[in-house]
Amino acid sequence: MVDPTSDLEENVDPEDAPTCATCGEPVANNPTHRVVTWVEDDAVQARHFCDDDCRDAWDDER
């Protein structure tokens, strides 16, 4: 997987890109990409989303 802190808007192969936590689509070369991070049990967690709508849907599911 691509480093979640990297710039995912350029030259990322969809096979290497993270997938959206809501719809499962690869998040590559997408300027609307969003990432949510948090610490849980002393470990950093991250979820990637293709846009604000998917991010909001994930919030609603939690």
Protein backbone atom coordinates (compact mmCIF):
# COMPACT_ATOMS: atom_id res chain seq x y z
CA MET A 1 0.00 0.00 0.00
CA VAL A 2 1.08 3.56 -0.60
CA ASP A 3 2.29 5.55 2.40
CA PRO A 4 -0.91 7.28 3.67
CA THR A 5 1.01 10.53 4.14
CA SER A 6 2.15 10.65 0.52
CA ASP A 7 0.63 12.82 -2.21
CA LEU A 8 -1.86 10.46 -3.85
CA GLU A 9 -2.90 12.85 -6.60
CA GLU A 10 -0.05 12.00 -8.99
CA ASN A 11 1.29 8.85 -10.66
CA VAL A 12 -0.27 6.25 -8.38
CA ASP A 13 -1.15 2.93 -9.93
CA PRO A 14 -4.71 1.92 -8.87
CA GLU A 15 -3.39 -1.53 -7.91
CA ASP A 16 -1.06 0.11 -5.36
CA ALA A 17 -3.53 2.70 -4.11
CA PRO A 18 -5.57 2.39 -0.93
CA THR A 19 -9.26 1.64 -1.34
CA CYS A 20 -12.18 3.73 -0.16
CA ALA A 21 -13.43 2.46 3.21
CA THR A 22 -17.03 2.99 2.10
CA CYS A 23 -17.35 1.98 -1.55
CA GLY A 24 -14.15 -0.05 -2.04
CA GLU A 25 -12.97 1.83 -5.12
CA PRO A 26 -9.22 2.51 -5.45
CA VAL A 27 -8.29 6.01 -4.33
CA ALA A 28 -5.72 6.99 -6.96
CA ASN A 29 -5.14 10.25 -8.80
CA ASN A 30 -8.24 11.67 -7.15
CA PRO A 31 -8.19 15.28 -5.94
CA THR A 32 -11.23 14.66 -3.69
CA HIS A 33 -9.37 11.97 -1.69
CA ARG A 34 -9.88 12.23 2.08
CA VAL A 35 -8.11 10.44 4.94
CA VAL A 36 -9.26 10.05 8.53
CA THR A 37 -6.66 9.06 11.14
CA TRP A 38 -6.93 8.29 14.83
CA VAL A 39 -5.07 6.48 17.60
CA GLU A 40 -6.60 3.30 18.97
CA ASP A 41 -4.87 0.96 21.43
CA ASP A 42 -1.59 2.89 20.99
CA ALA A 43 -1.62 2.34 17.21
CA VAL A 44 -2.37 4.79 14.44
CA GLN A 45 -5.39 3.85 12.35
CA ALA A 46 -6.30 5.36 8.98
CA ARG A 47 -9.20 5.13 6.55
CA HIS A 48 -9.18 6.47 3.01
CA PHE A 49 -12.21 7.83 1.16
CA CYS A 50 -12.70 8.82 -2.48
CA ASP A 51 -14.72 11.94 -1.57
CA ASP A 52 -16.63 13.75 1.16
CA ASP A 53 -19.84 11.78 0.49
CA CYS A 54 -18.11 8.44 1.19
CA ARG A 55 -16.42 9.90 4.25
CA ASP A 56 -19.77 11.16 5.56
CA ALA A 57 -21.41 7.77 4.87
CA TRP A 58 -18.64 6.08 6.88
CA ASP A 59 -19.29 8.46 9.79
CA ASP A 60 -22.99 7.59 9.65
CA GLU A 61 -22.19 3.84 9.83
CA ARG A 62 -20.00 4.17 12.92
